[in-house]
């Protein structure tokens, strides 16, 4: 696995390195630390930060490289990912408004998330250990690839994984049973409704991809972003996993919808976010 960690020398960027170790999937990975600064005068401090990050990451990587670029953070990160195929891009997020720390909220993070067509991990409020992870599953066809990617990236974690599907409060078809709108994950699975079968299938896909942690299925009703944020706030999660980005054969309008949902969750989630 080729992993890129982006830093501007901030504590938030170093926290991103710590989050990567919490996922526990470093075995055999090739790691590049990309430092971005506006001028050469900042380079010494940036390289010192990368040395600290390398210490945080520890041994176990097949190779660790350090690389410095000068210029605008988003432009330089995009240039790096266009010149090298990475499987995962990692960065930190804080409330400061400087350099990579602009990735906290708003159009900068949105632009980067939309333009990088690979997995993106944004670290925010990194705990000592990952206790709970929320994985969101949506439409059936793109969800298959999302579950495969999520299971692969999370296979090293021992955290509890909650699998959430949000269904509309309004019946989409006249023949939908009214009782479907009041189902919990358990009743949906027991009655083998469409949503119950989808949750079962998604759990199987996560496990087939290598996830060994306990999986708890959840079913909520309402607007996707509202329900996901409510679950995050009430459940005190350490990491949110959502699907987005282009997938072969994916409907363009569905792609736009998934990107929009992922963008809103990235901007408002109280925890770290992994976009797969």
C-alpha atoms as a PDB file:
ATOM      1  CA  UNK A   1       0.000   0.000   0.000  1.00  0.00           C
ATOM      2  CA  UNK A   2       1.307   3.458  -0.950  1.00  0.00           C
ATOM      3  CA  UNK A   3       0.408   6.065   1.691  1.00  0.00           C
ATOM      4  CA  UNK A   4       0.929   9.839   1.570  1.00  0.00           C
ATOM      5  CA  UNK A   5       0.836  11.894   4.786  1.00  0.00           C
ATOM      6  CA  UNK A   6       0.684  15.640   4.220  1.00  0.00           C
ATOM      7  CA  UNK A   7       2.045  18.111   6.753  1.00  0.00           C
ATOM      8  CA  UNK A   8       2.701  21.793   7.269  1.00  0.00           C
ATOM      9  CA  UNK A   9       4.549  21.118  10.532  1.00  0.00           C
ATOM     10  CA  UNK A  10       1.465  21.643  12.696  1.00  0.00           C
ATOM     11  CA  UNK A  11       0.428  19.483  15.691  1.00  0.00           C
ATOM     12  CA  UNK A  12      -2.683  18.520  13.692  1.00  0.00           C
ATOM     13  CA  UNK A  13      -0.509  16.974  10.986  1.00  0.00           C
ATOM     14  CA  UNK A  14       1.455  15.022  13.577  1.00  0.00           C
ATOM     15  CA  UNK A  15      -1.849  13.815  15.043  1.00  0.00           C
ATOM     16  CA  UNK A  16      -2.686  12.470  11.574  1.00  0.00           C
ATOM     17  CA  UNK A  17       0.405  10.264  11.762  1.00  0.00           C
ATOM     18  CA  UNK A  18      -0.771   8.996  15.151  1.00  0.00           C
ATOM     19  CA  UNK A  19      -4.209   8.175  13.713  1.00  0.00           C
ATOM     20  CA  UNK A  20      -2.625   6.081  10.995  1.00  0.00           C
ATOM     21  CA  UNK A  21      -0.908   3.946  13.646  1.00  0.00           C
ATOM     22  CA  UNK A  22      -4.285   3.442  15.360  1.00  0.00           C
ATOM     23  CA  UNK A  23      -5.608   1.776  12.208  1.00  0.00           C
ATOM     24  CA  UNK A  24      -2.881  -0.833  12.509  1.00  0.00           C
ATOM     25  CA  UNK A  25      -2.342  -1.517   8.800  1.00  0.00           C
ATOM     26  CA  UNK A  26       1.280  -0.491   8.316  1.00  0.00           C
ATOM     27  CA  UNK A  27       2.662  -3.930   7.472  1.00  0.00           C
ATOM     28  CA  UNK A  28       4.546  -3.731   4.210  1.00  0.00           C
ATOM     29  CA  UNK A  29       3.320  -0.225   3.446  1.00  0.00           C
ATOM     30  CA  UNK A  30       5.320   2.349   1.526  1.00  0.00           C
ATOM     31  CA  UNK A  31       5.026   5.736   3.246  1.00  0.00           C
ATOM     32  CA  UNK A  32       5.780   9.229   1.947  1.00  0.00           C
ATOM     33  CA  UNK A  33       5.783  12.260   4.243  1.00  0.00           C
ATOM     34  CA  UNK A  34       4.993  15.315   2.143  1.00  0.00           C
ATOM     35  CA  UNK A  35       5.843  18.647   3.736  1.00  0.00           C
ATOM     36  CA  UNK A  36       4.395  21.796   2.160  1.00  0.00           C
ATOM     37  CA  UNK A  37       5.628  25.285   3.018  1.00  0.00           C
ATOM     38  CA  UNK A  38       5.459  28.653   1.333  1.00  0.00           C
ATOM     39  CA  UNK A  39       9.185  29.408   1.344  1.00  0.00           C
ATOM     40  CA  UNK A  40      12.582  27.855   2.040  1.00  0.00           C
ATOM     41  CA  UNK A  41      12.884  29.647   5.389  1.00  0.00           C
ATOM     42  CA  UNK A  42      10.216  27.325   6.833  1.00  0.00           C
ATOM     43  CA  UNK A  43      11.808  24.146   5.510  1.00  0.00           C
ATOM     44  CA  UNK A  44      14.021  23.367   8.532  1.00  0.00           C
ATOM     45  CA  UNK A  45      11.055  23.419  10.933  1.00  0.00           C
ATOM     46  CA  UNK A  46       9.062  21.337   8.461  1.00  0.00           C
ATOM     47  CA  UNK A  47      11.744  18.659   8.253  1.00  0.00           C
ATOM     48  CA  UNK A  48      11.966  18.547  12.058  1.00  0.00           C
ATOM     49  CA  UNK A  49       8.206  17.938  12.158  1.00  0.00           C
ATOM     50  CA  UNK A  50       8.535  15.127   9.616  1.00  0.00           C
ATOM     51  CA  UNK A  51      11.244  13.522  11.757  1.00  0.00           C
ATOM     52  CA  UNK A  52       8.848  13.597  14.727  1.00  0.00           C
ATOM     53  CA  UNK A  53       6.127  12.062  12.572  1.00  0.00           C
ATOM     54  CA  UNK A  54       8.468   9.283  11.464  1.00  0.00           C
ATOM     55  CA  UNK A  55       9.150   8.570  15.141  1.00  0.00           C
ATOM     56  CA  UNK A  56       5.402   8.466  15.864  1.00  0.00           C
ATOM     57  CA  UNK A  57       4.824   6.064  12.985  1.00  0.00           C
ATOM     58  CA  UNK A  58       7.555   3.752  14.228  1.00  0.00           C
ATOM     59  CA  UNK A  59       9.064   0.698  12.499  1.00  0.00           C
ATOM     60  CA  UNK A  60       7.143  -1.773  10.368  1.00  0.00           C
ATOM     61  CA  UNK A  61       6.951   0.182   7.150  1.00  0.00           C
ATOM     62  CA  UNK A  62       8.580  -1.219   4.035  1.00  0.00           C
ATOM     63  CA  UNK A  63       9.946   2.236   3.299  1.00  0.00           C
ATOM     64  CA  UNK A  64       9.583   5.852   4.489  1.00  0.00           C
ATOM     65  CA  UNK A  65      10.430   8.814   2.262  1.00  0.00           C
ATOM     66  CA  UNK A  66      10.401  12.531   3.035  1.00  0.00           C
ATOM     67  CA  UNK A  67       9.628  15.107   0.394  1.00  0.00           C
ATOM     68  CA  UNK A  68       9.227  18.906   0.582  1.00  0.00           C
ATOM     69  CA  UNK A  69       7.290  21.097  -1.835  1.00  0.00           C
ATOM     70  CA  UNK A  70       6.981  24.897  -1.862  1.00  0.00           C
ATOM     71  CA  UNK A  71       3.752  26.694  -2.728  1.00  0.00           C
ATOM     72  CA  UNK A  72       0.021  26.525  -2.114  1.00  0.00           C
ATOM     73  CA  UNK A  73      -0.877  23.418  -0.052  1.00  0.00           C
ATOM     74  CA  UNK A  74      -3.798  22.166  -2.135  1.00  0.00           C
ATOM     75  CA  UNK A  75      -1.986  22.713  -5.427  1.00  0.00           C
ATOM     76  CA  UNK A  76       1.121  20.921  -4.183  1.00  0.00           C
ATOM     77  CA  UNK A  77      -0.804  17.966  -2.741  1.00  0.00           C
ATOM     78  CA  UNK A  78      -2.682  17.557  -6.012  1.00  0.00           C
ATOM     79  CA  UNK A  79       0.566  17.743  -7.974  1.00  0.00           C
ATOM     80  CA  UNK A  80       2.072  15.053  -5.755  1.00  0.00           C
ATOM     81  CA  UNK A  81      -0.896  12.699  -6.169  1.00  0.00           C
ATOM     82  CA  UNK A  82      -0.953  13.236  -9.913  1.00  0.00           C
ATOM     83  CA  UNK A  83       2.700  12.312 -10.222  1.00  0.00           C
ATOM     84  CA  UNK A  84       2.481   9.224  -8.002  1.00  0.00           C
ATOM     85  CA  UNK A  85      -0.333   6.712  -7.467  1.00  0.00           C
ATOM     86  CA  UNK A  86      -1.199   6.628  -3.757  1.00  0.00           C
ATOM     87  CA  UNK A  87      -3.693   4.274  -2.109  1.00  0.00           C
ATOM     88  CA  UNK A  88      -4.371   6.590   0.824  1.00  0.00           C
ATOM     89  CA  UNK A  89      -3.825  10.307   1.473  1.00  0.00           C
ATOM     90  CA  UNK A  90      -3.720  11.368   5.137  1.00  0.00           C
ATOM     91  CA  UNK A  91      -3.807  14.852   6.648  1.00  0.00           C
ATOM     92  CA  UNK A  92      -4.659  16.627   9.863  1.00  0.00           C
ATOM     93  CA  UNK A  93      -7.394  19.142  10.581  1.00  0.00           C
ATOM     94  CA  UNK A  94      -7.479  21.833  13.271  1.00  0.00           C
ATOM     95  CA  UNK A  95      -9.129  25.153  13.895  1.00  0.00           C
ATOM     96  CA  UNK A  96      -6.145  27.192  12.704  1.00  0.00           C
ATOM     97  CA  UNK A  97      -6.381  28.983   9.370  1.00  0.00           C
ATOM     98  CA  UNK A  98      -2.905  28.550   7.922  1.00  0.00           C
ATOM     99  CA  UNK A  99      -1.321  26.182   5.421  1.00  0.00           C
ATOM    100  CA  UNK A 100      -2.721  22.661   5.520  1.00  0.00           C
ATOM    101  CA  UNK A 101      -4.755  23.722   8.521  1.00  0.00           C
ATOM    102  CA  UNK A 102      -7.079  25.405   6.077  1.00  0.00           C
ATOM    103  CA  UNK A 103      -8.386  21.875   5.580  1.00  0.00           C
ATOM    104  CA  UNK A 104     -10.514  22.272   8.681  1.00  0.00           C
ATOM    105  CA  UNK A 105     -13.764  23.453   7.119  1.00  0.00           C
ATOM    106  CA  UNK A 106     -15.057  24.960   3.914  1.00  0.00           C
ATOM    107  CA  UNK A 107     -14.116  25.081   0.266  1.00  0.00           C
ATOM    108  CA  UNK A 108     -10.448  24.045   0.598  1.00  0.00           C
ATOM    109  CA  UNK A 109     -11.215  20.615   2.046  1.00  0.00           C
ATOM    110  CA  UNK A 110     -14.107  20.237  -0.381  1.00  0.00           C
ATOM    111  CA  UNK A 111     -11.867  20.984  -3.342  1.00  0.00           C
ATOM    112  CA  UNK A 112      -9.217  18.531  -2.227  1.00  0.00           C
ATOM    113  CA  UNK A 113     -11.697  15.767  -1.408  1.00  0.00           C
ATOM    114  CA  UNK A 114     -13.383  16.106  -4.795  1.00  0.00           C
ATOM    115  CA  UNK A 115     -10.159  16.214  -6.810  1.00  0.00           C
ATOM    116  CA  UNK A 116      -8.233  13.383  -5.152  1.00  0.00           C
ATOM    117  CA  UNK A 117      -9.743  10.177  -6.501  1.00  0.00           C
ATOM    118  CA  UNK A 118      -8.265   7.911  -3.870  1.00  0.00           C
ATOM    119  CA  UNK A 119      -8.927   7.204  -0.207  1.00  0.00           C
ATOM    120  CA  UNK A 120      -8.702  10.337   1.957  1.00  0.00           C
ATOM    121  CA  UNK A 121      -8.249  10.266   5.733  1.00  0.00           C
ATOM    122  CA  UNK A 122      -8.728  13.578   7.596  1.00  0.00           C
ATOM    123  CA  UNK A 123      -7.642  13.385  11.236  1.00  0.00           C
ATOM    124  CA  UNK A 124      -9.601  15.338  13.811  1.00  0.00           C
ATOM    125  CA  UNK A 125      -9.573  14.830  17.621  1.00  0.00           C
ATOM    126  CA  UNK A 126      -7.394  11.714  17.552  1.00  0.00           C
ATOM    127  CA  UNK A 127      -7.882   9.450  20.622  1.00  0.00           C
ATOM    128  CA  UNK A 128      -5.261   7.267  22.277  1.00  0.00           C
ATOM    129  CA  UNK A 129      -7.027   4.198  20.907  1.00  0.00           C
ATOM    130  CA  UNK A 130      -9.859   3.766  18.418  1.00  0.00           C
ATOM    131  CA  UNK A 131     -12.889   2.500  20.311  1.00  0.00           C
ATOM    132  CA  UNK A 132     -15.808   3.015  17.893  1.00  0.00           C
ATOM    133  CA  UNK A 133     -16.006   3.419  14.130  1.00  0.00           C
ATOM    134  CA  UNK A 134     -19.123   4.310  12.150  1.00  0.00           C
ATOM    135  CA  UNK A 135     -19.269   2.942   8.589  1.00  0.00           C
ATOM    136  CA  UNK A 136     -22.067   4.272   6.376  1.00  0.00           C
ATOM    137  CA  UNK A 137     -23.636   2.172   3.638  1.00  0.00           C
ATOM    138  CA  UNK A 138     -25.988   3.635   1.047  1.00  0.00           C
ATOM    139  CA  UNK A 139     -27.161   2.638  -2.417  1.00  0.00           C
ATOM    140  CA  UNK A 140     -26.546  -1.039  -3.149  1.00  0.00           C
ATOM    141  CA  UNK A 141     -24.294  -0.850  -6.232  1.00  0.00           C
ATOM    142  CA  UNK A 142     -21.647   1.688  -5.061  1.00  0.00           C
ATOM    143  CA  UNK A 143     -21.905   0.282  -1.530  1.00  0.00           C
ATOM    144  CA  UNK A 144     -20.291  -2.987  -2.606  1.00  0.00           C
ATOM    145  CA  UNK A 145     -17.065  -1.221  -3.544  1.00  0.00           C
ATOM    146  CA  UNK A 146     -17.269   1.048  -0.470  1.00  0.00           C
ATOM    147  CA  UNK A 147     -17.517  -1.967   1.857  1.00  0.00           C
ATOM    148  CA  UNK A 148     -14.632  -3.714   0.099  1.00  0.00           C
ATOM    149  CA  UNK A 149     -12.393  -0.673   0.427  1.00  0.00           C
ATOM    150  CA  UNK A 150     -13.447   0.046   4.014  1.00  0.00           C
ATOM    151  CA  UNK A 151     -12.903  -3.555   5.102  1.00  0.00           C
ATOM    152  CA  UNK A 152      -9.414  -3.565   3.585  1.00  0.00           C
ATOM    153  CA  UNK A 153      -8.378  -0.288   5.246  1.00  0.00           C
ATOM    154  CA  UNK A 154      -9.879  -1.199   8.642  1.00  0.00           C
ATOM    155  CA  UNK A 155      -8.746  -4.811   8.848  1.00  0.00           C
ATOM    156  CA  UNK A 156      -6.006  -3.955  11.356  1.00  0.00           C
ATOM    157  CA  UNK A 157      -8.298  -2.264  13.884  1.00  0.00           C
ATOM    158  CA  UNK A 158      -9.800  -3.843  16.992  1.00  0.00           C
ATOM    159  CA  UNK A 159     -12.433  -1.101  17.417  1.00  0.00           C
ATOM    160  CA  UNK A 160     -16.148  -1.815  17.449  1.00  0.00           C
ATOM    161  CA  UNK A 161     -17.593  -1.124  13.998  1.00  0.00           C
ATOM    162  CA  UNK A 162     -21.162   0.121  13.684  1.00  0.00           C
ATOM    163  CA  UNK A 163     -22.656  -0.199  10.207  1.00  0.00           C
ATOM    164  CA  UNK A 164     -25.302   2.449   9.501  1.00  0.00           C
ATOM    165  CA  UNK A 165     -27.882   2.560   6.733  1.00  0.00           C
ATOM    166  CA  UNK A 166     -30.295   5.510   6.531  1.00  0.00           C
ATOM    167  CA  UNK A 167     -33.601   4.927   4.769  1.00  0.00           C
ATOM    168  CA  UNK A 168     -36.155   7.552   3.785  1.00  0.00           C
ATOM    169  CA  UNK A 169     -39.103   8.284   6.068  1.00  0.00           C
ATOM    170  CA  UNK A 170     -41.299   8.334   2.965  1.00  0.00           C
ATOM    171  CA  UNK A 171     -42.135   5.145   1.075  1.00  0.00           C
ATOM    172  CA  UNK A 172     -40.506   5.322  -2.347  1.00  0.00           C
ATOM    173  CA  UNK A 173     -42.931   2.825  -3.893  1.00  0.00           C
ATOM    174  CA  UNK A 174     -46.695   2.379  -3.358  1.00  0.00           C
ATOM    175  CA  UNK A 175     -46.192  -1.292  -2.472  1.00  0.00           C
ATOM    176  CA  UNK A 176     -43.674  -0.597   0.319  1.00  0.00           C
ATOM    177  CA  UNK A 177     -45.014  -1.989   3.592  1.00  0.00           C
ATOM    178  CA  UNK A 178     -45.735   0.827   6.101  1.00  0.00           C
ATOM    179  CA  UNK A 179     -44.022  -1.245   8.790  1.00  0.00           C
ATOM    180  CA  UNK A 180     -40.724  -0.902   6.869  1.00  0.00           C
ATOM    181  CA  UNK A 181     -40.650   2.759   7.901  1.00  0.00           C
ATOM    182  CA  UNK A 182     -40.471   1.791  11.593  1.00  0.00           C
ATOM    183  CA  UNK A 183     -37.959  -1.038  11.341  1.00  0.00           C
ATOM    184  CA  UNK A 184     -34.837  -1.278  13.454  1.00  0.00           C
ATOM    185  CA  UNK A 185     -31.814  -3.059  12.052  1.00  0.00           C
ATOM    186  CA  UNK A 186     -32.823  -6.206  13.946  1.00  0.00           C
ATOM    187  CA  UNK A 187     -36.425  -6.275  12.756  1.00  0.00           C
ATOM    188  CA  UNK A 188     -35.396  -5.455   9.190  1.00  0.00           C
ATOM    189  CA  UNK A 189     -32.897  -8.332   9.189  1.00  0.00           C
ATOM    190  CA  UNK A 190     -35.364 -10.706  10.888  1.00  0.00           C
ATOM    191  CA  UNK A 191     -38.095  -9.869   8.354  1.00  0.00           C
ATOM    192  CA  UNK A 192     -35.594  -9.931   5.470  1.00  0.00           C
ATOM    193  CA  UNK A 193     -36.750  -6.576   4.100  1.00  0.00           C
ATOM    194  CA  UNK A 194     -34.722  -4.889   1.358  1.00  0.00           C
ATOM    195  CA  UNK A 195     -32.873  -2.815   3.961  1.00  0.00           C
ATOM    196  CA  UNK A 196     -32.318  -5.880   6.167  1.00  0.00           C
ATOM    197  CA  UNK A 197     -30.812  -7.826   3.295  1.00  0.00           C
ATOM    198  CA  UNK A 198     -28.658  -4.829   2.382  1.00  0.00           C
ATOM    199  CA  UNK A 199     -27.269  -4.597   5.926  1.00  0.00           C
ATOM    200  CA  UNK A 200     -26.546  -8.331   5.989  1.00  0.00           C
ATOM    201  CA  UNK A 201     -24.797  -8.153   2.639  1.00  0.00           C
ATOM    202  CA  UNK A 202     -22.726  -5.124   3.690  1.00  0.00           C
ATOM    203  CA  UNK A 203     -21.570  -6.910   6.858  1.00  0.00           C
ATOM    204  CA  UNK A 204     -20.523  -9.921   4.799  1.00  0.00           C
ATOM    205  CA  UNK A 205     -18.621  -7.683   2.383  1.00  0.00           C
ATOM    206  CA  UNK A 206     -16.710  -5.994   5.224  1.00  0.00           C
ATOM    207  CA  UNK A 207     -15.760  -9.373   6.674  1.00  0.00           C
ATOM    208  CA  UNK A 208     -14.776 -10.783   3.286  1.00  0.00           C
ATOM    209  CA  UNK A 209     -12.421  -7.791   2.836  1.00  0.00           C
ATOM    210  CA  UNK A 210     -10.609  -8.658   6.060  1.00  0.00           C
ATOM    211  CA  UNK A 211     -12.438  -6.827   8.879  1.00  0.00           C
ATOM    212  CA  UNK A 212     -12.405  -8.977  12.021  1.00  0.00           C
ATOM    213  CA  UNK A 213     -13.850  -6.501  14.551  1.00  0.00           C
ATOM    214  CA  UNK A 214     -17.401  -6.947  15.863  1.00  0.00           C
ATOM    215  CA  UNK A 215     -19.970  -5.327  13.538  1.00  0.00           C
ATOM    216  CA  UNK A 216     -23.198  -3.816  14.893  1.00  0.00           C
ATOM    217  CA  UNK A 217     -25.872  -3.043  12.237  1.00  0.00           C
ATOM    218  CA  UNK A 218     -27.870   0.178  12.644  1.00  0.00           C
ATOM    219  CA  UNK A 219     -30.903   1.441  10.733  1.00  0.00           C
ATOM    220  CA  UNK A 220     -32.111   5.035  10.901  1.00  0.00           C
ATOM    221  CA  UNK A 221     -34.909   6.872   9.105  1.00  0.00           C
ATOM    222  CA  UNK A 222     -34.728  10.403   7.691  1.00  0.00           C
ATOM    223  CA  UNK A 223     -32.275  12.659   5.891  1.00  0.00           C
ATOM    224  CA  UNK A 224     -28.872  11.053   5.463  1.00  0.00           C
ATOM    225  CA  UNK A 225     -26.585  13.852   6.683  1.00  0.00           C
ATOM    226  CA  UNK A 226     -28.799  14.723   9.658  1.00  0.00           C
ATOM    227  CA  UNK A 227     -29.084  11.110  10.775  1.00  0.00           C
ATOM    228  CA  UNK A 228     -25.371  10.362  10.389  1.00  0.00           C
ATOM    229  CA  UNK A 229     -24.377  13.469  12.373  1.00  0.00           C
ATOM    230  CA  UNK A 230     -26.928  12.646  15.073  1.00  0.00           C
ATOM    231  CA  UNK A 231     -25.525   9.127  15.376  1.00  0.00           C
ATOM    232  CA  UNK A 232     -21.968  10.476  15.540  1.00  0.00           C
ATOM    233  CA  UNK A 233     -22.815  12.935  18.306  1.00  0.00           C
ATOM    234  CA  UNK A 234     -24.828  10.467  20.372  1.00  0.00           C
ATOM    235  CA  UNK A 235     -22.539   7.505  19.829  1.00  0.00           C
ATOM    236  CA  UNK A 236     -19.208   9.257  20.536  1.00  0.00           C
ATOM    237  CA  UNK A 237     -17.367   7.763  17.582  1.00  0.00           C
ATOM    238  CA  UNK A 238     -13.666   8.122  16.834  1.00  0.00           C
ATOM    239  CA  UNK A 239     -13.877   7.663  13.059  1.00  0.00           C
ATOM    240  CA  UNK A 240     -16.502   8.030  10.325  1.00  0.00           C
ATOM    241  CA  UNK A 241     -16.169   6.056   7.075  1.00  0.00           C
ATOM    242  CA  UNK A 242     -18.192   7.141   4.038  1.00  0.00           C
ATOM    243  CA  UNK A 243     -18.094   6.315   0.347  1.00  0.00           C
ATOM    244  CA  UNK A 244     -17.619   8.810  -2.465  1.00  0.00           C
ATOM    245  CA  UNK A 245     -15.481   9.444  -5.539  1.00  0.00           C
ATOM    246  CA  UNK A 246     -15.745   8.004  -9.009  1.00  0.00           C
ATOM    247  CA  UNK A 247     -16.324   4.277  -9.412  1.00  0.00           C
ATOM    248  CA  UNK A 248     -16.377   2.466 -12.777  1.00  0.00           C
ATOM    249  CA  UNK A 249     -19.875   2.365 -14.276  1.00  0.00           C
ATOM    250  CA  UNK A 250     -21.319   4.668 -11.637  1.00  0.00           C
ATOM    251  CA  UNK A 251     -24.194   6.941 -12.616  1.00  0.00           C
ATOM    252  CA  UNK A 252     -22.964  10.556 -12.823  1.00  0.00           C
ATOM    253  CA  UNK A 253     -25.873  11.940 -10.789  1.00  0.00           C
ATOM    254  CA  UNK A 254     -25.298   9.325  -8.094  1.00  0.00           C
ATOM    255  CA  UNK A 255     -21.621  10.296  -8.041  1.00  0.00           C
ATOM    256  CA  UNK A 256     -22.542  13.955  -7.501  1.00  0.00           C
ATOM    257  CA  UNK A 257     -24.940  12.988  -4.699  1.00  0.00           C
ATOM    258  CA  UNK A 258     -22.348  10.831  -2.927  1.00  0.00           C
ATOM    259  CA  UNK A 259     -19.704  13.552  -3.209  1.00  0.00           C
ATOM    260  CA  UNK A 260     -22.126  16.118  -1.771  1.00  0.00           C
ATOM    261  CA  UNK A 261     -23.020  13.910   1.208  1.00  0.00           C
ATOM    262  CA  UNK A 262     -19.348  13.116   1.866  1.00  0.00           C
ATOM    263  CA  UNK A 263     -18.437  16.801   1.602  1.00  0.00           C
ATOM    264  CA  UNK A 264     -21.076  17.866   4.134  1.00  0.00           C
ATOM    265  CA  UNK A 265     -20.077  15.117   6.555  1.00  0.00           C
ATOM    266  CA  UNK A 266     -16.388  15.991   6.178  1.00  0.00           C
ATOM    267  CA  UNK A 267     -17.162  19.597   7.083  1.00  0.00           C
ATOM    268  CA  UNK A 268     -19.406  18.873  10.066  1.00  0.00           C
ATOM    269  CA  UNK A 269     -18.372  15.542  11.611  1.00  0.00           C
ATOM    270  CA  UNK A 270     -16.939  15.919  15.154  1.00  0.00           C
ATOM    271  CA  UNK A 271     -14.434  13.100  14.552  1.00  0.00           C
ATOM    272  CA  UNK A 272     -11.906  11.952  11.961  1.00  0.00           C
ATOM    273  CA  UNK A 273     -13.307  11.076   8.524  1.00  0.00           C
ATOM    274  CA  UNK A 274     -12.202   8.426   6.053  1.00  0.00           C
ATOM    275  CA  UNK A 275     -13.583   8.855   2.516  1.00  0.00           C
ATOM    276  CA  UNK A 276     -13.241   5.659   0.469  1.00  0.00           C
END
